[in-house]
Amino acid sequence: MTVTAYTLAVLLDLFCLFLGYRFLFQPGPAAAGYGVPARPDGDAGAYLSNKGLNDGTFGLLGLALLAFAGARAEAWFMLVVALVPLGDTLIVLRHGGTKAVAFGIHFATAVVILISAGLLFAV
């Protein structure tokens, strides 16, 4: 179970880094993949860059916690971070995104993060 817990945590942290990179360097496609595309007539660049910075920071913080503080600290981090995709679920639903994206991507991500937290607490 230890290998599974650590592997899932590292993969989730690396995924956050990937999302951060994508929002920083490919903001249009990243926003569309999020479920609420950026408006072509508006300048959402700052908001999308901020999302990229936040996601990337979450990924780096998760990796640092896992490497330097251990599984328990990472488990608490994952438990708190699960609030982000839960909030993303509501944002997508409130702003015209599809239920498939809201639940199939964001809510499902929250569930996987909570599973990761549970596995890390069990280590």
N, C-alpha and C. Protein backbone atom coordinates (compact mmCIF):
# COMPACT_ATOMS: atom_id res chain seq x y z
N MET A 1 0.82 -1.19 0.00
CA MET A 1 0.00 0.00 0.00
C MET A 1 0.86 1.26 0.00
N THR A 2 2.04 1.20 0.58
CA THR A 2 2.91 2.36 0.64
C THR A 2 3.29 2.84 -0.76
N VAL A 3 3.66 1.91 -1.62
CA VAL A 3 4.04 2.27 -2.99
C VAL A 3 2.87 2.92 -3.71
N THR A 4 1.69 2.36 -3.56
CA THR A 4 0.50 2.91 -4.20
C THR A 4 0.21 4.31 -3.69
N ALA A 5 0.29 4.51 -2.38
CA ALA A 5 0.01 5.81 -1.79
C ALA A 5 0.98 6.87 -2.30
N TYR A 6 2.25 6.55 -2.29
CA TYR A 6 3.26 7.51 -2.74
C TYR A 6 3.15 7.76 -4.24
N THR A 7 2.92 6.70 -5.01
CA THR A 7 2.83 6.85 -6.46
C THR A 7 1.65 7.74 -6.84
N LEU A 8 0.50 7.50 -6.24
CA LEU A 8 -0.67 8.31 -6.54
C LEU A 8 -0.44 9.77 -6.14
N ALA A 9 0.16 9.99 -4.99
CA ALA A 9 0.44 11.36 -4.54
C ALA A 9 1.38 12.07 -5.51
N VAL A 10 2.44 11.39 -5.91
CA VAL A 10 3.39 12.01 -6.85
C VAL A 10 2.71 12.30 -8.18
N LEU A 11 1.91 11.36 -8.67
CA LEU A 11 1.21 11.59 -9.94
C LEU A 11 0.25 12.78 -9.86
N LEU A 12 -0.46 12.91 -8.76
CA LEU A 12 -1.37 14.05 -8.60
C LEU A 12 -0.59 15.35 -8.51
N ASP A 13 0.53 15.35 -7.80
CA ASP A 13 1.35 16.57 -7.71
C ASP A 13 1.92 16.94 -9.08
N LEU A 14 2.38 15.95 -9.83
CA LEU A 14 2.91 16.22 -11.17
C LEU A 14 1.79 16.70 -12.11
N PHE A 15 0.59 16.18 -11.92
CA PHE A 15 -0.54 16.63 -12.72
C PHE A 15 -0.83 18.11 -12.44
N CYS A 16 -0.72 18.52 -11.18
CA CYS A 16 -0.90 19.94 -10.85
C CYS A 16 0.16 20.79 -11.56
N LEU A 17 1.39 20.31 -11.58
CA LEU A 17 2.44 21.03 -12.30
C LEU A 17 2.10 21.14 -13.79
N PHE A 18 1.62 20.05 -14.37
CA PHE A 18 1.23 20.07 -15.78
C PHE A 18 0.12 21.08 -16.02
N LEU A 19 -0.89 21.08 -15.16
CA LEU A 19 -1.99 22.04 -15.31
C LEU A 19 -1.49 23.47 -15.20
N GLY A 20 -0.59 23.70 -14.24
CA GLY A 20 -0.02 25.03 -14.09
C GLY A 20 0.71 25.46 -15.35
N TYR A 21 1.54 24.58 -15.88
CA TYR A 21 2.26 24.88 -17.13
C TYR A 21 1.28 25.20 -18.24
N ARG A 22 0.25 24.38 -18.36
CA ARG A 22 -0.71 24.55 -19.46
C ARG A 22 -1.44 25.88 -19.36
N PHE A 23 -1.87 26.26 -18.16
CA PHE A 23 -2.57 27.55 -18.01
C PHE A 23 -1.63 28.72 -18.23
N LEU A 24 -0.35 28.56 -17.93
CA LEU A 24 0.60 29.64 -18.17
C LEU A 24 0.98 29.78 -19.64
N PHE A 25 1.15 28.65 -20.33
CA PHE A 25 1.70 28.70 -21.68
C PHE A 25 0.71 28.35 -22.79
N GLN A 26 -0.43 27.77 -22.44
CA GLN A 26 -1.49 27.48 -23.41
C GLN A 26 -2.84 27.81 -22.77
N PRO A 27 -3.05 29.07 -22.41
CA PRO A 27 -4.23 29.42 -21.61
C PRO A 27 -5.57 29.15 -22.30
N GLY A 28 -5.68 29.38 -23.59
CA GLY A 28 -6.95 29.15 -24.29
C GLY A 28 -7.38 27.69 -24.24
N PRO A 29 -6.52 26.77 -24.71
CA PRO A 29 -6.90 25.36 -24.63
C PRO A 29 -7.08 24.87 -23.19
N ALA A 30 -6.28 25.40 -22.27
CA ALA A 30 -6.42 24.99 -20.87
C ALA A 30 -7.78 25.39 -20.32
N ALA A 31 -8.21 26.60 -20.63
CA ALA A 31 -9.52 27.07 -20.16
C ALA A 31 -10.64 26.23 -20.77
N ALA A 32 -10.52 25.90 -22.04
CA ALA A 32 -11.54 25.06 -22.68
C ALA A 32 -11.57 23.69 -22.02
N GLY A 33 -10.41 23.12 -21.71
CA GLY A 33 -10.35 21.83 -21.04
C GLY A 33 -10.89 21.88 -19.63
N TYR A 34 -10.81 23.04 -19.00
CA TYR A 34 -11.34 23.24 -17.66
C TYR A 34 -12.85 23.12 -17.66
N GLY A 35 -13.46 23.49 -18.80
CA GLY A 35 -14.91 23.38 -18.91
C GLY A 35 -15.63 24.70 -19.08
N VAL A 36 -14.90 25.79 -18.93
CA VAL A 36 -15.47 27.12 -19.15
C VAL A 36 -14.46 27.88 -20.00
N PRO A 37 -14.65 27.87 -21.33
CA PRO A 37 -13.66 28.51 -22.20
C PRO A 37 -13.54 30.01 -21.91
N ALA A 38 -12.33 30.52 -22.14
CA ALA A 38 -12.11 31.96 -22.01
C ALA A 38 -12.88 32.67 -23.11
N ARG A 39 -13.43 33.81 -22.79
CA ARG A 39 -14.17 34.57 -23.81
C ARG A 39 -13.17 35.17 -24.79
N PRO A 40 -13.42 34.99 -26.07
CA PRO A 40 -12.47 35.52 -27.06
C PRO A 40 -12.43 37.04 -27.10
N ASP A 41 -13.51 37.69 -26.66
CA ASP A 41 -13.55 39.16 -26.70
C ASP A 41 -13.02 39.79 -25.42
N GLY A 42 -12.69 39.00 -24.42
CA GLY A 42 -12.21 39.55 -23.16
C GLY A 42 -10.76 39.17 -22.91
N ASP A 43 -10.08 39.94 -22.08
CA ASP A 43 -8.69 39.65 -21.76
C ASP A 43 -8.66 38.91 -20.42
N ALA A 44 -8.72 37.60 -20.51
CA ALA A 44 -8.70 36.77 -19.30
C ALA A 44 -7.29 36.28 -19.00
N GLY A 45 -6.30 36.82 -19.70
CA GLY A 45 -4.93 36.35 -19.56
C GLY A 45 -4.42 36.37 -18.13
N ALA A 46 -4.69 37.43 -17.40
CA ALA A 46 -4.20 37.53 -16.02
C ALA A 46 -4.84 36.47 -15.14
N TYR A 47 -6.12 36.23 -15.33
CA TYR A 47 -6.81 35.23 -14.51
C TYR A 47 -6.32 33.83 -14.82
N LEU A 48 -6.11 33.55 -16.10
CA LEU A 48 -5.64 32.23 -16.49
C LEU A 48 -4.20 32.02 -16.03
N SER A 49 -3.39 33.07 -16.11
CA SER A 49 -2.01 32.97 -15.62
C SER A 49 -2.00 32.74 -14.12
N ASN A 50 -2.89 33.42 -13.41
CA ASN A 50 -2.99 33.23 -11.97
C ASN A 50 -3.38 31.79 -11.63
N LYS A 51 -4.31 31.24 -12.39
CA LYS A 51 -4.69 29.84 -12.17
C LYS A 51 -3.51 28.92 -12.42
N GLY A 52 -2.75 29.21 -13.46
CA GLY A 52 -1.56 28.42 -13.75
C GLY A 52 -0.54 28.48 -12.64
N LEU A 53 -0.30 29.67 -12.13
CA LEU A 53 0.64 29.84 -11.02
C LEU A 53 0.17 29.09 -9.78
N ASN A 54 -1.12 29.20 -9.48
CA ASN A 54 -1.67 28.50 -8.31
C ASN A 54 -1.55 26.98 -8.45
N ASP A 55 -1.96 26.46 -9.61
CA ASP A 55 -1.89 25.01 -9.81
C ASP A 55 -0.46 24.51 -9.74
N GLY A 56 0.46 25.22 -10.38
CA GLY A 56 1.86 24.83 -10.34
C GLY A 56 2.42 24.87 -8.93
N THR A 57 2.03 25.87 -8.17
CA THR A 57 2.49 25.98 -6.78
C THR A 57 1.97 24.83 -5.94
N PHE A 58 0.70 24.45 -6.15
CA PHE A 58 0.16 23.29 -5.43
C PHE A 58 0.98 22.04 -5.73
N GLY A 59 1.34 21.86 -6.99
CA GLY A 59 2.13 20.69 -7.36
C GLY A 59 3.50 20.68 -6.70
N LEU A 60 4.18 21.83 -6.71
CA LEU A 60 5.50 21.92 -6.08
C LEU A 60 5.41 21.74 -4.57
N LEU A 61 4.41 22.34 -3.96
CA LEU A 61 4.24 22.21 -2.52
C LEU A 61 3.97 20.76 -2.14
N GLY A 62 3.12 20.09 -2.91
CA GLY A 62 2.83 18.68 -2.64
C GLY A 62 4.08 17.82 -2.72
N LEU A 63 4.88 18.04 -3.76
CA LEU A 63 6.13 17.26 -3.89
C LEU A 63 7.09 17.56 -2.74
N ALA A 64 7.18 18.84 -2.36
CA ALA A 64 8.08 19.21 -1.26
C ALA A 64 7.61 18.59 0.06
N LEU A 65 6.32 18.62 0.32
CA LEU A 65 5.80 18.00 1.54
C LEU A 65 6.10 16.51 1.57
N LEU A 66 5.87 15.86 0.46
CA LEU A 66 6.11 14.42 0.39
C LEU A 66 7.59 14.10 0.61
N ALA A 67 8.45 14.91 0.01
CA ALA A 67 9.90 14.65 0.11
C ALA A 67 10.48 15.02 1.47
N PHE A 68 10.00 16.11 2.06
CA PHE A 68 10.67 16.64 3.25
C PHE A 68 9.87 16.53 4.55
N ALA A 69 8.56 16.33 4.45
CA ALA A 69 7.76 16.26 5.67
C ALA A 69 7.09 14.90 5.85
N GLY A 70 6.93 14.14 4.77
CA GLY A 70 6.40 12.79 4.89
C GLY A 70 4.96 12.63 4.48
N ALA A 71 4.52 11.39 4.58
CA ALA A 71 3.20 11.00 4.09
C ALA A 71 2.06 11.67 4.86
N ARG A 72 2.21 11.83 6.16
CA ARG A 72 1.12 12.42 6.95
C ARG A 72 0.87 13.88 6.56
N ALA A 73 1.95 14.64 6.38
CA ALA A 73 1.80 16.03 5.96
C ALA A 73 1.17 16.10 4.57
N GLU A 74 1.61 15.23 3.67
CA GLU A 74 1.04 15.18 2.32
C GLU A 74 -0.43 14.79 2.37
N ALA A 75 -0.79 13.90 3.28
CA ALA A 75 -2.19 13.48 3.41
C ALA A 75 -3.07 14.66 3.82
N TRP A 76 -2.63 15.45 4.78
CA TRP A 76 -3.39 16.64 5.20
C TRP A 76 -3.48 17.64 4.05
N PHE A 77 -2.38 17.80 3.33
CA PHE A 77 -2.36 18.70 2.17
C PHE A 77 -3.39 18.24 1.14
N MET A 78 -3.40 16.95 0.83
CA MET A 78 -4.35 16.41 -0.15
C MET A 78 -5.79 16.61 0.32
N LEU A 79 -6.02 16.40 1.60
CA LEU A 79 -7.35 16.57 2.14
C LEU A 79 -7.85 18.01 1.92
N VAL A 80 -6.98 18.97 2.16
CA VAL A 80 -7.35 20.38 1.97
C VAL A 80 -7.45 20.72 0.49
N VAL A 81 -6.51 20.25 -0.30
CA VAL A 81 -6.48 20.56 -1.73
C VAL A 81 -7.70 19.99 -2.45
N ALA A 82 -8.32 18.96 -1.92
CA ALA A 82 -9.52 18.39 -2.54
C ALA A 82 -10.64 19.43 -2.65
N LEU A 83 -10.56 20.48 -1.85
CA LEU A 83 -11.57 21.55 -1.93
C LEU A 83 -11.50 22.27 -3.28
N VAL A 84 -10.32 22.31 -3.90
CA VAL A 84 -10.17 23.04 -5.16
C VAL A 84 -11.00 22.39 -6.27
N PRO A 85 -10.84 21.09 -6.56
CA PRO A 85 -11.69 20.54 -7.63
C PRO A 85 -13.17 20.48 -7.25
N LEU A 86 -13.48 20.42 -5.96
CA LEU A 86 -14.89 20.51 -5.57
C LEU A 86 -15.44 21.89 -5.92
N GLY A 87 -14.66 22.92 -5.64
CA GLY A 87 -15.04 24.27 -6.03
C GLY A 87 -15.10 24.43 -7.54
N ASP A 88 -14.15 23.81 -8.23
CA ASP A 88 -14.15 23.86 -9.70
C ASP A 88 -15.42 23.24 -10.26
N THR A 89 -15.91 22.18 -9.62
CA THR A 89 -17.16 21.55 -10.05
C THR A 89 -18.29 22.57 -10.03
N LEU A 90 -18.39 23.30 -8.94
CA LEU A 90 -19.45 24.31 -8.81
C LEU A 90 -19.26 25.45 -9.80
N ILE A 91 -18.02 25.87 -10.00
CA ILE A 91 -17.75 26.97 -10.94
C ILE A 91 -18.17 26.58 -12.35
N VAL A 92 -17.80 25.39 -12.77
CA VAL A 92 -18.17 24.94 -14.12
C VAL A 92 -19.69 24.89 -14.25
N LEU A 93 -20.37 24.35 -13.25
CA LEU A 93 -21.83 24.27 -13.32
C LEU A 93 -22.48 25.65 -13.33
N ARG A 94 -21.96 26.58 -12.56
CA ARG A 94 -22.55 27.92 -12.47
C ARG A 94 -22.27 28.78 -13.69
N HIS A 95 -21.27 28.42 -14.48
CA HIS A 95 -20.89 29.26 -15.61
C HIS A 95 -21.10 28.60 -16.95
N GLY A 96 -22.08 27.73 -17.03
CA GLY A 96 -22.50 27.19 -18.31
C GLY A 96 -21.74 25.98 -18.81
N GLY A 97 -20.86 25.43 -18.00
CA GLY A 97 -20.16 24.22 -18.42
C GLY A 97 -21.08 23.01 -18.33
N THR A 98 -20.65 21.93 -18.93
CA THR A 98 -21.50 20.74 -18.93
C THR A 98 -21.35 19.96 -17.62
N LYS A 99 -22.39 19.21 -17.31
CA LYS A 99 -22.34 18.34 -16.13
C LYS A 99 -21.28 17.26 -16.31
N ALA A 100 -21.10 16.82 -17.56
CA ALA A 100 -20.11 15.78 -17.82
C ALA A 100 -18.71 16.26 -17.42
N VAL A 101 -18.37 17.48 -17.76
CA VAL A 101 -17.06 18.03 -17.38
C VAL A 101 -17.01 18.28 -15.88
N ALA A 102 -18.06 18.88 -15.35
CA ALA A 102 -18.08 19.22 -13.92
C ALA A 102 -17.88 17.97 -13.06
N PHE A 103 -18.64 16.93 -13.36
CA PHE A 103 -18.56 15.73 -12.53
C PHE A 103 -17.52 14.74 -13.03
N GLY A 104 -17.39 14.62 -14.34
CA GLY A 104 -16.46 13.65 -14.91
C GLY A 104 -15.01 14.03 -14.78
N ILE A 105 -14.73 15.32 -14.69
CA ILE A 105 -13.34 15.77 -14.53
C ILE A 105 -13.11 16.28 -13.11
N HIS A 106 -13.82 17.34 -12.73
CA HIS A 106 -13.52 18.02 -11.48
C HIS A 106 -13.94 17.22 -10.24
N PHE A 107 -15.17 16.76 -10.21
CA PHE A 107 -15.62 15.99 -9.05
C PHE A 107 -14.84 14.68 -8.94
N ALA A 108 -14.61 14.04 -10.09
CA ALA A 108 -13.84 12.79 -10.08
C ALA A 108 -12.42 13.03 -9.58
N THR A 109 -11.84 14.17 -9.95
CA THR A 109 -10.51 14.52 -9.45
C THR A 109 -10.52 14.67 -7.94
N ALA A 110 -11.55 15.32 -7.40
CA ALA A 110 -11.66 15.47 -5.95
C ALA A 110 -11.73 14.11 -5.27
N VAL A 111 -12.46 13.19 -5.86
CA VAL A 111 -12.57 11.84 -5.28
C VAL A 111 -11.21 11.15 -5.28
N VAL A 112 -10.47 11.26 -6.39
CA VAL A 112 -9.15 10.63 -6.46
C VAL A 112 -8.20 11.27 -5.44
N ILE A 113 -8.28 12.57 -5.27
CA ILE A 113 -7.44 13.24 -4.28
C ILE A 113 -7.79 12.76 -2.87
N LEU A 114 -9.07 12.60 -2.59
CA LEU A 114 -9.48 12.10 -1.26
C LEU A 114 -9.02 10.66 -1.05
N ILE A 115 -9.05 9.85 -2.11
CA ILE A 115 -8.53 8.49 -2.01
C ILE A 115 -7.04 8.55 -1.71
N SER A 116 -6.32 9.44 -2.39
CA SER A 116 -4.90 9.60 -2.15
C SER A 116 -4.65 9.99 -0.68
N ALA A 117 -5.42 10.92 -0.16
CA ALA A 117 -5.29 11.33 1.23
C ALA A 117 -5.50 10.14 2.16
N GLY A 118 -6.54 9.36 1.89
CA GLY A 118 -6.82 8.18 2.72
C GLY A 118 -5.68 7.18 2.69
N LEU A 119 -5.13 6.94 1.50
CA LEU A 119 -4.00 6.00 1.40
C LEU A 119 -2.78 6.52 2.16
N LEU A 120 -2.55 7.82 2.04
CA LEU A 120 -1.38 8.40 2.74
C LEU A 120 -1.58 8.36 4.26
N PHE A 121 -2.79 8.58 4.74
CA PHE A 121 -3.04 8.47 6.18
C PHE A 121 -2.82 7.04 6.66
N ALA A 122 -3.09 6.07 5.80
CA ALA A 122 -2.95 4.66 6.16
C ALA A 122 -1.50 4.19 6.17
N VAL A 123 -0.61 4.94 5.56
CA VAL A 123 0.81 4.53 5.48
C VAL A 123 1.47 4.66 6.84
